[in-house]
Amino acid sequence: MSNSNKGLGLFRATGIYVGAILGSGALVLPAMAADVAGPASRVPVGLGSP
C-alpha cells in the first residue's frame, strides 16, 4: 500500500462536508414546508400519492 493514499485529503473532506450540509437540508426543508402547508399536506403522503 502506498503512503500517498493516507488520510482524506482536502477534496474528499470538502465533499463529505458539503454532502452532510446538503443532505440535512434535504430532510429539513420538506418538513418546514409541511409545517407551513398544514395538516392537509400529509394526506397525499399517507395515501401513497406522488
N, C-alpha and C. Protein backbone atom coordinates (compact mmCIF):
# COMPACT_ATOMS: atom_id res chain seq x y z
N MET A 1 0.84 -1.18 0.00
CA MET A 1 0.00 0.00 0.00
C MET A 1 0.89 1.25 0.00
N SER A 2 0.51 2.21 -0.75
CA SER A 2 1.28 3.43 -0.90
C SER A 2 0.95 4.43 0.22
N ASN A 3 1.94 5.22 0.62
CA ASN A 3 1.72 6.24 1.63
C ASN A 3 0.92 7.43 1.10
N SER A 4 0.81 7.57 -0.22
CA SER A 4 0.11 8.71 -0.79
C SER A 4 -1.41 8.61 -0.61
N ASN A 5 -1.94 7.44 -0.30
CA ASN A 5 -3.38 7.26 -0.10
C ASN A 5 -3.81 7.46 1.35
N LYS A 6 -2.90 7.87 2.19
CA LYS A 6 -3.21 8.04 3.61
C LYS A 6 -4.02 9.31 3.84
N GLY A 7 -5.04 9.22 4.65
CA GLY A 7 -5.83 10.39 5.00
C GLY A 7 -6.91 10.72 3.98
N LEU A 8 -7.75 11.67 4.33
CA LEU A 8 -8.85 12.07 3.46
C LEU A 8 -8.41 12.98 2.34
N GLY A 9 -7.65 13.95 2.64
CA GLY A 9 -7.29 14.96 1.64
C GLY A 9 -8.34 16.05 1.60
N LEU A 10 -7.95 17.17 1.05
CA LEU A 10 -8.83 18.34 1.03
C LEU A 10 -10.08 18.10 0.18
N PHE A 11 -9.91 17.49 -0.99
CA PHE A 11 -11.04 17.27 -1.90
C PHE A 11 -12.08 16.35 -1.28
N ARG A 12 -11.65 15.25 -0.72
CA ARG A 12 -12.60 14.29 -0.11
C ARG A 12 -13.24 14.86 1.14
N ALA A 13 -12.48 15.56 1.96
CA ALA A 13 -13.03 16.16 3.17
C ALA A 13 -14.07 17.22 2.82
N THR A 14 -13.80 18.00 1.79
CA THR A 14 -14.77 19.01 1.34
C THR A 14 -16.03 18.34 0.82
N GLY A 15 -15.88 17.25 0.10
CA GLY A 15 -17.04 16.52 -0.40
C GLY A 15 -17.91 15.96 0.71
N ILE A 16 -17.28 15.43 1.75
CA ILE A 16 -18.03 14.92 2.89
C ILE A 16 -18.77 16.05 3.60
N TYR A 17 -18.09 17.18 3.77
CA TYR A 17 -18.71 18.34 4.43
C TYR A 17 -19.92 18.85 3.64
N VAL A 18 -19.75 19.03 2.34
CA VAL A 18 -20.84 19.54 1.51
C VAL A 18 -21.99 18.54 1.48
N GLY A 19 -21.69 17.26 1.40
CA GLY A 19 -22.73 16.24 1.42
C GLY A 19 -23.52 16.23 2.72
N ALA A 20 -22.84 16.45 3.82
CA ALA A 20 -23.53 16.49 5.11
C ALA A 20 -24.45 17.70 5.21
N ILE A 21 -23.99 18.84 4.73
CA ILE A 21 -24.81 20.06 4.79
C ILE A 21 -26.02 19.93 3.87
N LEU A 22 -25.81 19.50 2.64
CA LEU A 22 -26.92 19.38 1.69
C LEU A 22 -27.84 18.23 2.07
N GLY A 23 -27.29 17.16 2.59
CA GLY A 23 -28.11 16.02 2.99
C GLY A 23 -29.07 16.37 4.11
N SER A 24 -28.61 17.12 5.08
CA SER A 24 -29.50 17.51 6.17
C SER A 24 -30.55 18.50 5.69
N GLY A 25 -30.18 19.35 4.74
CA GLY A 25 -31.16 20.29 4.18
C GLY A 25 -32.25 19.59 3.40
N ALA A 26 -31.91 18.47 2.78
CA ALA A 26 -32.91 17.71 2.01
C ALA A 26 -33.96 17.11 2.93
N LEU A 27 -33.64 16.94 4.19
CA LEU A 27 -34.62 16.41 5.14
C LEU A 27 -35.35 17.52 5.89
N VAL A 28 -34.69 18.64 6.10
CA VAL A 28 -35.28 19.71 6.89
C VAL A 28 -36.26 20.56 6.08
N LEU A 29 -35.92 20.88 4.84
CA LEU A 29 -36.77 21.77 4.05
C LEU A 29 -38.17 21.20 3.77
N PRO A 30 -38.33 19.93 3.40
CA PRO A 30 -39.69 19.41 3.22
C PRO A 30 -40.49 19.42 4.52
N ALA A 31 -39.84 19.18 5.64
CA ALA A 31 -40.54 19.22 6.92
C ALA A 31 -41.02 20.64 7.24
N MET A 32 -40.19 21.63 6.93
CA MET A 32 -40.59 23.02 7.15
C MET A 32 -41.75 23.40 6.23
N ALA A 33 -41.70 22.94 4.99
CA ALA A 33 -42.79 23.24 4.05
C ALA A 33 -44.08 22.58 4.49
N ALA A 34 -44.00 21.38 5.02
CA ALA A 34 -45.20 20.69 5.51
C ALA A 34 -45.80 21.42 6.71
N ASP A 35 -44.96 21.97 7.56
CA ASP A 35 -45.47 22.73 8.70
C ASP A 35 -46.21 23.98 8.24
N VAL A 36 -45.70 24.64 7.21
CA VAL A 36 -46.35 25.84 6.69
C VAL A 36 -47.65 25.49 6.00
N ALA A 37 -47.67 24.37 5.26
CA ALA A 37 -48.86 23.98 4.49
C ALA A 37 -49.98 23.48 5.39
N GLY A 38 -49.64 22.97 6.55
CA GLY A 38 -50.66 22.49 7.47
C GLY A 38 -50.88 20.99 7.39
N PRO A 39 -51.86 20.50 8.12
CA PRO A 39 -52.07 19.05 8.22
C PRO A 39 -52.55 18.41 6.91
N ALA A 40 -53.17 19.16 6.04
CA ALA A 40 -53.66 18.60 4.77
C ALA A 40 -52.51 18.18 3.86
N SER A 41 -51.31 18.70 4.07
CA SER A 41 -50.19 18.34 3.22
C SER A 41 -49.70 16.92 3.49
N ARG A 42 -50.08 16.34 4.61
CA ARG A 42 -49.65 14.99 4.95
C ARG A 42 -50.59 13.93 4.38
N VAL A 43 -51.75 14.31 3.92
CA VAL A 43 -52.73 13.34 3.42
C VAL A 43 -52.22 12.63 2.17
N PRO A 44 -51.69 13.31 1.14
CA PRO A 44 -51.20 12.58 -0.04
C PRO A 44 -50.06 11.62 0.28
N VAL A 45 -49.22 11.96 1.23
CA VAL A 45 -48.12 11.09 1.60
C VAL A 45 -48.68 9.83 2.25
N GLY A 46 -49.68 9.99 3.08
CA GLY A 46 -50.28 8.84 3.75
C GLY A 46 -51.02 7.93 2.77
N LEU A 47 -51.53 8.48 1.69
CA LEU A 47 -52.26 7.68 0.71
C LEU A 47 -51.35 7.06 -0.34
N GLY A 48 -50.08 7.46 -0.37
CA GLY A 48 -49.13 6.91 -1.30
C GLY A 48 -49.10 7.62 -2.64
N SER A 49 -49.69 8.79 -2.73
CA SER A 49 -49.66 9.55 -3.98
C SER A 49 -48.29 10.17 -4.19
N PRO A 50 -47.89 10.37 -5.44
CA PRO A 50 -46.58 11.01 -5.68
C PRO A 50 -46.55 12.47 -5.32
